[in-house]
Structures are given as structure tokens and as C-alpha cells.
């Protein structure tokens, strides 16, 4: 079990069923998969590798909450 109860299995589930998908402004081949969890935004950055999605990083993003995307 990882911090805050977020397991690798949950991350996979969140990647496949996010609440919101945003384009990564710095990397053309990446997307931000956003999952709202208890008034927080979990941002999962994925890169499209053709036949699969590769998870680059996962973290709770406070800036999305300040922008009103989570609440």
C-alpha cells in the first residue's frame, strides 16, 4: 500500500476512468489524467506509446484545486 491508500491497482483504474483529461502543455505526447479524491486532484501524467499508456508520474496537484477544477 502506498501513501494515502493509493495502490498501483487504483492508479491503473484511475488512468482508465479519469474524471478529467487535459493535454500536457509542455509535452505533446502526454496527457494529464485527473481523478478527484476527497476534494483533491490526483494528477496522473501518462505518455501515449501507441499500443499502451505509460505512467510518468502521480501526485496530488494543488494548483488544479486553486483553479477550481477540484473541490
C-alpha atoms as a PDB file:
ATOM      1  CA  UNK A   1       0.000   0.000   0.000  1.00  0.00           C
ATOM      2  CA  UNK A   2       1.297   3.424  -0.927  1.00  0.00           C
ATOM      3  CA  UNK A   3       0.850   6.779   0.821  1.00  0.00           C
ATOM      4  CA  UNK A   4      -2.799   7.853   1.276  1.00  0.00           C
ATOM      5  CA  UNK A   5      -4.001   4.376   0.352  1.00  0.00           C
ATOM      6  CA  UNK A   6      -3.329   4.848  -3.364  1.00  0.00           C
ATOM      7  CA  UNK A   7      -2.274   1.457  -4.711  1.00  0.00           C
ATOM      8  CA  UNK A   8      -0.836   0.611  -8.142  1.00  0.00           C
ATOM      9  CA  UNK A   9      -4.140  -1.106  -8.938  1.00  0.00           C
ATOM     10  CA  UNK A  10      -6.075   2.076  -8.140  1.00  0.00           C
ATOM     11  CA  UNK A  11      -3.728   4.138 -10.303  1.00  0.00           C
ATOM     12  CA  UNK A  12      -4.390   1.794 -13.221  1.00  0.00           C
ATOM     13  CA  UNK A  13      -8.140   2.106 -12.611  1.00  0.00           C
ATOM     14  CA  UNK A  14      -7.885   5.915 -12.440  1.00  0.00           C
ATOM     15  CA  UNK A  15      -5.868   6.061 -15.692  1.00  0.00           C
ATOM     16  CA  UNK A  16      -8.584   4.121 -17.486  1.00  0.00           C
ATOM     17  CA  UNK A  17     -11.507   6.017 -15.897  1.00  0.00           C
ATOM     18  CA  UNK A  18     -10.406   9.579 -15.042  1.00  0.00           C
ATOM     19  CA  UNK A  19     -12.777  12.394 -14.122  1.00  0.00           C
ATOM     20  CA  UNK A  20     -10.986  14.785 -16.477  1.00  0.00           C
ATOM     21  CA  UNK A  21      -8.321  14.586 -19.197  1.00  0.00           C
ATOM     22  CA  UNK A  22      -6.122  17.592 -20.024  1.00  0.00           C
ATOM     23  CA  UNK A  23      -3.329  17.947 -22.570  1.00  0.00           C
ATOM     24  CA  UNK A  24       0.138  18.397 -21.094  1.00  0.00           C
ATOM     25  CA  UNK A  25       1.161  21.947 -22.086  1.00  0.00           C
ATOM     26  CA  UNK A  26       4.871  21.050 -22.266  1.00  0.00           C
ATOM     27  CA  UNK A  27       4.860  17.578 -23.818  1.00  0.00           C
ATOM     28  CA  UNK A  28       2.784  16.891 -26.909  1.00  0.00           C
ATOM     29  CA  UNK A  29       2.621  13.115 -26.385  1.00  0.00           C
ATOM     30  CA  UNK A  30       1.498  13.349 -22.727  1.00  0.00           C
ATOM     31  CA  UNK A  31      -1.862  13.793 -21.035  1.00  0.00           C
ATOM     32  CA  UNK A  32      -2.927  14.593 -17.513  1.00  0.00           C
ATOM     33  CA  UNK A  33      -5.500  12.112 -16.218  1.00  0.00           C
ATOM     34  CA  UNK A  34      -7.237  13.776 -13.266  1.00  0.00           C
ATOM     35  CA  UNK A  35      -9.124  11.861 -10.586  1.00  0.00           C
ATOM     36  CA  UNK A  36     -10.999  13.718  -7.847  1.00  0.00           C
ATOM     37  CA  UNK A  37     -10.451  12.115  -4.441  1.00  0.00           C
ATOM     38  CA  UNK A  38     -11.935  13.690  -1.305  1.00  0.00           C
ATOM     39  CA  UNK A  39     -11.824  17.277  -2.650  1.00  0.00           C
ATOM     40  CA  UNK A  40      -8.293  16.793  -4.006  1.00  0.00           C
ATOM     41  CA  UNK A  41      -6.989  16.276  -7.528  1.00  0.00           C
ATOM     42  CA  UNK A  42      -4.758  13.304  -8.223  1.00  0.00           C
ATOM     43  CA  UNK A  43      -2.842  14.090 -11.415  1.00  0.00           C
ATOM     44  CA  UNK A  44      -1.577  11.081 -13.326  1.00  0.00           C
ATOM     45  CA  UNK A  45       0.698  12.057 -16.193  1.00  0.00           C
ATOM     46  CA  UNK A  46       0.651   9.444 -18.943  1.00  0.00           C
ATOM     47  CA  UNK A  47       2.520   9.187 -22.221  1.00  0.00           C
ATOM     48  CA  UNK A  48       0.949   7.563 -25.260  1.00  0.00           C
ATOM     49  CA  UNK A  49       3.257   4.819 -26.537  1.00  0.00           C
ATOM     50  CA  UNK A  50       0.985   3.729 -29.389  1.00  0.00           C
ATOM     51  CA  UNK A  51      -0.409   0.469 -28.059  1.00  0.00           C
ATOM     52  CA  UNK A  52      -0.093   1.375 -24.363  1.00  0.00           C
ATOM     53  CA  UNK A  53      -0.140   4.260 -21.909  1.00  0.00           C
ATOM     54  CA  UNK A  54       2.945   4.708 -19.747  1.00  0.00           C
ATOM     55  CA  UNK A  55       2.532   6.373 -16.350  1.00  0.00           C
ATOM     56  CA  UNK A  56       5.180   9.081 -15.970  1.00  0.00           C
ATOM     57  CA  UNK A  57       4.256  10.464 -12.529  1.00  0.00           C
ATOM     58  CA  UNK A  58       1.414  10.591 -10.000  1.00  0.00           C
ATOM     59  CA  UNK A  59       0.805  13.335  -7.429  1.00  0.00           C
ATOM     60  CA  UNK A  60      -1.870  15.425  -5.735  1.00  0.00           C
ATOM     61  CA  UNK A  61      -1.985  18.742  -7.600  1.00  0.00           C
ATOM     62  CA  UNK A  62      -2.883  21.787  -5.503  1.00  0.00           C
ATOM     63  CA  UNK A  63      -2.812  24.148  -8.485  1.00  0.00           C
ATOM     64  CA  UNK A  64      -5.796  22.390 -10.085  1.00  0.00           C
ATOM     65  CA  UNK A  65      -7.776  22.874  -6.891  1.00  0.00           C
ATOM     66  CA  UNK A  66      -6.924  26.590  -6.856  1.00  0.00           C
ATOM     67  CA  UNK A  67      -8.105  26.826 -10.469  1.00  0.00           C
ATOM     68  CA  UNK A  68     -11.452  25.364  -9.414  1.00  0.00           C
ATOM     69  CA  UNK A  69     -11.090  22.010 -11.163  1.00  0.00           C
ATOM     70  CA  UNK A  70     -11.411  20.106  -7.882  1.00  0.00           C
ATOM     71  CA  UNK A  71     -13.490  20.997  -4.946  1.00  0.00           C
END
